[in-house]
């Protein structure tokens, strides 16, 4: 797939630090990916969105956030009706220095060296707060101060929710754990994660237990169940489809794993969380 190039000077006003866009997405697969010379933060406001990157595709649902740094190519595709994203085009001169001012951000969010964009999720209350901040940015002058007023509470909360891996964690394992967040990897289970390391399973298992306190299977299962929860809350896909996409085609086993992770059955989780979807 070809890649188009976008430039912040064509999108952000000369006196501004950001540009906010709300977009309803077409259901057609994008004809090309695009990269850019700016930072981008987008989140799914409604429906389900298929996110295409150079390494594959991931389905996102309401509340999913994606952080993209300059040079990362991607494309968006709606799935179903009313698939909407909110996208912030962010001036590089505003975003790049934040990791210098706040060293705790180095290696995380916009400032990670991972090949894949950083992805996380906001619950209904946190998403409502983010939408309120976005509305303020739209109504105010979108200068550096207003951009930081939106970003700093968000990235501070994410820092607390997603503590960094212990310093003893080797780079090869960090890269593999990052790759394992992709469905095409975690669908293969612990073997998918281990394959990303290029090392023996026993060595990977010992290293993960020592540095992360989890086995490869436990780590991958957490990723699978988080992905299943997003699909249950944000789509009408059947349990069989979601279980299959998680790499757990046995529905009985899927139910058992999901209940152990979230404390409720998949059906009850969907019933509870689809009532909490934040509308634009």
Protein backbone atom coordinates (compact mmCIF):
# COMPACT_ATOMS: atom_id res chain seq x y z
CA UNK A 1 0.00 0.00 0.00
CA UNK A 2 1.32 3.44 -0.95
CA UNK A 3 1.99 6.16 1.63
CA UNK A 4 0.91 9.78 1.37
CA UNK A 5 2.72 12.54 3.26
CA UNK A 6 0.95 15.22 5.29
CA UNK A 7 2.50 18.42 6.69
CA UNK A 8 1.51 20.46 9.72
CA UNK A 9 1.92 23.74 7.84
CA UNK A 10 -0.97 22.69 5.61
CA UNK A 11 -3.25 21.89 8.55
CA UNK A 12 -2.38 24.06 11.57
CA UNK A 13 -2.92 27.81 11.35
CA UNK A 14 0.35 29.83 11.55
CA UNK A 15 -0.49 31.26 14.99
CA UNK A 16 -1.85 27.99 16.41
CA UNK A 17 -0.34 24.90 18.05
CA UNK A 18 -3.02 22.38 17.11
CA UNK A 19 -5.97 21.62 14.90
CA UNK A 20 -8.93 19.50 16.02
CA UNK A 21 -11.03 17.48 13.59
CA UNK A 22 -14.14 15.37 14.11
CA UNK A 23 -14.64 12.90 11.28
CA UNK A 24 -17.22 10.31 10.31
CA UNK A 25 -15.28 7.54 8.61
CA UNK A 26 -16.10 5.85 5.34
CA UNK A 27 -16.51 2.08 5.41
CA UNK A 28 -14.18 1.62 2.43
CA UNK A 29 -10.65 0.44 3.08
CA UNK A 30 -8.22 3.38 2.66
CA UNK A 31 -6.51 3.37 -0.71
CA UNK A 32 -3.23 4.44 0.91
CA UNK A 33 -1.68 4.96 4.32
CA UNK A 34 -0.46 8.41 5.30
CA UNK A 35 2.35 9.65 7.49
CA UNK A 36 3.08 13.17 8.68
CA UNK A 37 5.64 15.53 10.14
CA UNK A 38 3.47 16.28 13.21
CA UNK A 39 2.26 14.42 16.28
CA UNK A 40 -1.29 13.11 16.25
CA UNK A 41 -3.62 12.01 19.02
CA UNK A 42 -6.93 10.49 18.04
CA UNK A 43 -9.66 8.64 19.85
CA UNK A 44 -12.75 6.72 18.81
CA UNK A 45 -15.84 8.67 19.73
CA UNK A 46 -18.49 6.35 18.32
CA UNK A 47 -18.71 2.97 16.67
CA UNK A 48 -15.87 0.74 15.57
CA UNK A 49 -12.80 1.82 13.61
CA UNK A 50 -10.28 -0.34 11.81
CA UNK A 51 -6.80 1.10 12.22
CA UNK A 52 -4.39 0.16 9.44
CA UNK A 53 -0.62 0.42 9.99
CA UNK A 54 2.41 -0.86 8.14
CA UNK A 55 2.36 -4.06 10.20
CA UNK A 56 -1.34 -4.92 10.00
CA UNK A 57 -4.70 -3.76 11.29
CA UNK A 58 -6.43 -3.41 14.64
CA UNK A 59 -10.10 -2.84 15.43
CA UNK A 60 -10.73 0.02 17.85
CA UNK A 61 -13.92 0.91 19.71
CA UNK A 62 -15.31 3.81 21.73
CA UNK A 63 -12.74 5.11 24.19
CA UNK A 64 -9.64 3.78 22.45
CA UNK A 65 -6.83 6.38 22.13
CA UNK A 66 -3.87 6.23 19.76
CA UNK A 67 -0.68 8.33 19.99
CA UNK A 68 1.27 8.77 16.74
CA UNK A 69 4.65 10.40 16.37
CA UNK A 70 6.01 11.90 13.13
CA UNK A 71 6.75 9.34 10.46
CA UNK A 72 4.33 6.63 11.62
CA UNK A 73 2.11 5.65 8.70
CA UNK A 74 -1.50 4.67 9.24
CA UNK A 75 -5.03 4.84 7.87
CA UNK A 76 -8.56 4.68 9.27
CA UNK A 77 -11.65 2.81 8.13
CA UNK A 78 -15.15 2.85 9.62
CA UNK A 79 -16.91 -0.38 10.48
CA UNK A 80 -20.68 -0.06 10.56
CA UNK A 81 -22.62 3.17 10.87
CA UNK A 82 -21.54 6.40 12.61
CA UNK A 83 -17.90 5.45 13.12
CA UNK A 84 -16.43 8.73 14.39
CA UNK A 85 -12.98 9.77 15.53
CA UNK A 86 -11.71 12.95 17.13
CA UNK A 87 -8.22 13.80 15.89
CA UNK A 88 -5.72 16.34 17.18
CA UNK A 89 -2.98 17.51 14.84
CA UNK A 90 -0.24 18.73 17.19
CA UNK A 91 2.66 21.03 16.33
CA UNK A 92 5.99 19.21 16.78
CA UNK A 93 7.59 22.24 18.46
CA UNK A 94 5.02 21.95 21.25
CA UNK A 95 5.04 18.18 21.78
CA UNK A 96 8.68 17.16 21.29
CA UNK A 97 10.04 19.25 24.23
CA UNK A 98 7.57 17.82 26.76
CA UNK A 99 9.67 14.70 27.30
CA UNK A 100 12.65 16.92 28.10
CA UNK A 101 10.65 19.00 30.57
CA UNK A 102 9.10 15.85 32.06
CA UNK A 103 11.68 13.01 31.89
CA UNK A 104 9.11 10.47 33.14
CA UNK A 105 7.52 10.64 29.69
CA UNK A 106 10.64 9.50 27.85
CA UNK A 107 10.06 6.19 26.11
CA UNK A 108 6.29 6.41 26.48
CA UNK A 109 3.19 7.62 24.60
CA UNK A 110 4.39 9.97 21.82
CA UNK A 111 8.00 9.46 22.83
CA UNK A 112 8.33 5.70 22.50
CA UNK A 113 10.64 4.09 19.96
CA UNK A 114 8.22 1.21 19.32
CA UNK A 115 7.36 0.61 15.69
CA UNK A 116 3.64 0.54 16.45
CA UNK A 117 1.71 3.60 17.71
CA UNK A 118 0.97 3.61 21.42
CA UNK A 119 -2.63 2.61 22.12
CA UNK A 120 -4.65 2.76 25.32
CA UNK A 121 -8.25 3.11 26.46
CA UNK A 122 -10.35 5.54 28.49
CA UNK A 123 -13.45 4.50 30.40
CA UNK A 124 -16.69 6.45 30.01
CA UNK A 125 -15.89 8.99 32.72
CA UNK A 126 -12.34 9.66 31.50
CA UNK A 127 -13.56 9.88 27.90
CA UNK A 128 -16.17 12.45 28.91
CA UNK A 129 -13.44 14.55 30.55
CA UNK A 130 -11.30 14.29 27.40
CA UNK A 131 -14.22 15.36 25.22
CA UNK A 132 -14.86 18.33 27.49
CA UNK A 133 -11.20 19.36 27.18
CA UNK A 134 -11.41 18.99 23.39
CA UNK A 135 -14.49 21.22 23.30
CA UNK A 136 -12.64 23.86 25.30
CA UNK A 137 -9.75 23.68 22.85
CA UNK A 138 -12.17 24.18 19.96
CA UNK A 139 -13.71 27.22 21.60
CA UNK A 140 -10.45 28.79 22.74
CA UNK A 141 -7.38 29.94 20.88
CA UNK A 142 -5.53 26.65 20.17
CA UNK A 143 -2.14 27.89 21.34
CA UNK A 144 0.52 25.96 23.24
CA UNK A 145 -1.03 26.77 26.62
CA UNK A 146 -4.41 25.35 25.64
CA UNK A 147 -2.79 22.28 24.11
CA UNK A 148 -0.92 21.58 27.34
CA UNK A 149 -4.12 22.16 29.33
CA UNK A 150 -5.64 19.26 27.42
CA UNK A 151 -2.63 16.97 27.23
CA UNK A 152 -0.95 17.20 30.63
CA UNK A 153 -3.88 15.86 32.72
CA UNK A 154 -4.33 13.06 30.21
CA UNK A 155 -0.69 11.96 30.07
CA UNK A 156 -0.34 12.31 33.83
CA UNK A 157 -3.27 9.94 34.33
CA UNK A 158 -1.87 7.50 31.79
CA UNK A 159 1.53 7.58 33.47
CA UNK A 160 -0.11 6.53 36.73
CA UNK A 161 -2.26 3.84 35.09
CA UNK A 162 0.54 2.36 32.98
CA UNK A 163 3.72 2.35 35.06
CA UNK A 164 6.91 1.75 33.08
CA UNK A 165 8.50 -1.66 33.00
CA UNK A 166 11.28 -2.29 35.51
CA UNK A 167 14.66 -0.96 34.38
CA UNK A 168 16.00 -4.51 34.39
CA UNK A 169 13.65 -5.49 31.55
CA UNK A 170 15.82 -6.06 28.45
CA UNK A 171 15.04 -4.14 25.27
CA UNK A 172 14.33 -7.31 23.30
CA UNK A 173 11.58 -8.22 25.74
CA UNK A 174 10.10 -4.73 25.77
CA UNK A 175 9.89 -4.79 21.98
CA UNK A 176 8.24 -8.21 22.02
CA UNK A 177 5.71 -7.14 24.67
CA UNK A 178 4.85 -4.10 22.59
CA UNK A 179 4.40 -6.23 19.47
CA UNK A 180 2.23 -8.67 21.43
CA UNK A 181 -0.43 -5.96 21.80
CA UNK A 182 -1.29 -6.52 18.14
CA UNK A 183 -4.08 -9.07 17.52
CA UNK A 184 -2.05 -10.85 14.86
CA UNK A 185 0.54 -11.62 17.58
CA UNK A 186 -1.53 -12.32 20.70
CA UNK A 187 -3.87 -14.48 18.62
CA UNK A 188 -1.01 -17.00 18.57
CA UNK A 189 -0.83 -17.05 22.35
CA UNK A 190 2.41 -17.24 24.30
CA UNK A 191 4.08 -18.70 21.22
CA UNK A 192 3.32 -15.48 19.32
CA UNK A 193 5.03 -13.36 21.96
CA UNK A 194 8.03 -15.69 22.22
CA UNK A 195 8.42 -15.70 18.43
CA UNK A 196 8.84 -11.91 18.55
CA UNK A 197 11.89 -12.30 20.80
CA UNK A 198 13.81 -14.77 18.65
CA UNK A 199 14.80 -16.56 21.86
CA UNK A 200 13.99 -19.89 23.49
CA UNK A 201 10.65 -20.15 25.29
CA UNK A 202 12.23 -21.19 28.58
CA UNK A 203 14.59 -18.18 28.53
CA UNK A 204 11.76 -15.77 27.73
CA UNK A 205 9.60 -17.26 30.48
CA UNK A 206 12.36 -16.95 33.12
CA UNK A 207 13.13 -13.36 32.08
CA UNK A 208 9.47 -12.30 32.14
CA UNK A 209 8.88 -13.81 35.56
CA UNK A 210 11.98 -12.11 36.94
CA UNK A 211 11.33 -8.65 35.45
CA UNK A 212 7.56 -8.42 34.91
CA UNK A 213 6.23 -10.95 37.39
CA UNK A 214 4.22 -12.78 34.72
CA UNK A 215 4.64 -15.75 32.44
CA UNK A 216 4.23 -15.26 28.68
CA UNK A 217 0.83 -16.96 28.87
CA UNK A 218 -0.37 -14.68 31.68
CA UNK A 219 0.84 -11.58 29.86
CA UNK A 220 -0.82 -12.57 26.58
CA UNK A 221 -4.05 -13.56 28.32
CA UNK A 222 -4.29 -10.09 29.87
CA UNK A 223 -3.94 -8.57 26.40
CA UNK A 224 -6.54 -10.91 24.96
CA UNK A 225 -9.09 -10.16 27.67
CA UNK A 226 -8.54 -6.39 27.40
CA UNK A 227 -9.10 -6.66 23.64
CA UNK A 228 -12.22 -8.78 24.18
CA UNK A 229 -13.59 -6.19 26.61
CA UNK A 230 -13.13 -3.41 24.05
CA UNK A 231 -14.91 -5.45 21.40
CA UNK A 232 -17.77 -6.33 23.73
CA UNK A 233 -18.28 -2.71 24.74
CA UNK A 234 -17.89 -1.14 21.32
CA UNK A 235 -19.27 -3.60 18.76
CA UNK A 236 -22.18 -5.92 18.09
CA UNK A 237 -19.83 -8.75 17.11
CA UNK A 238 -20.84 -12.16 18.40
CA UNK A 239 -18.99 -13.84 21.25
CA UNK A 240 -17.83 -16.50 18.82
CA UNK A 241 -16.30 -13.87 16.53
CA UNK A 242 -14.57 -12.09 19.41
CA UNK A 243 -13.27 -15.34 20.92
CA UNK A 244 -11.94 -16.40 17.53
CA UNK A 245 -10.18 -13.05 17.05
CA UNK A 246 -8.62 -13.40 20.49
CA UNK A 247 -7.21 -16.78 19.52
CA UNK A 248 -9.54 -18.71 21.86
CA UNK A 249 -12.07 -20.46 19.59
CA UNK A 250 -13.32 -22.66 22.44
CA UNK A 251 -16.23 -20.60 23.82
CA UNK A 252 -16.29 -22.40 27.16
CA UNK A 253 -12.62 -21.59 27.72
CA UNK A 254 -13.17 -18.01 26.54
CA UNK A 255 -16.00 -17.54 29.07
CA UNK A 256 -13.84 -18.94 31.86
CA UNK A 257 -10.88 -16.72 31.01
CA UNK A 258 -12.99 -13.59 30.63
CA UNK A 259 -14.81 -14.10 33.92
CA UNK A 260 -11.53 -14.72 35.73
CA UNK A 261 -10.14 -11.47 34.29
CA UNK A 262 -13.16 -9.14 34.60
CA UNK A 263 -15.27 -10.74 37.32
CA UNK A 264 -18.39 -11.05 35.15
CA UNK A 265 -19.47 -13.05 32.13
CA UNK A 266 -18.91 -11.58 28.65
CA UNK A 267 -22.68 -11.13 28.23
CA UNK A 268 -23.02 -9.16 31.47
CA UNK A 269 -19.95 -7.07 30.68
CA UNK A 270 -21.44 -6.09 27.32
CA UNK A 271 -24.81 -5.27 28.89
CA UNK A 272 -23.19 -3.07 31.54
CA UNK A 273 -20.72 -1.19 29.36
CA UNK A 274 -22.76 -0.60 26.24
CA UNK A 275 -25.11 1.50 28.39
CA UNK A 276 -22.17 3.72 29.28
CA UNK A 277 -21.12 4.68 25.73
CA UNK A 278 -20.36 8.41 25.55
CA UNK A 279 -22.15 10.14 22.68
CA UNK A 280 -20.67 13.15 20.88
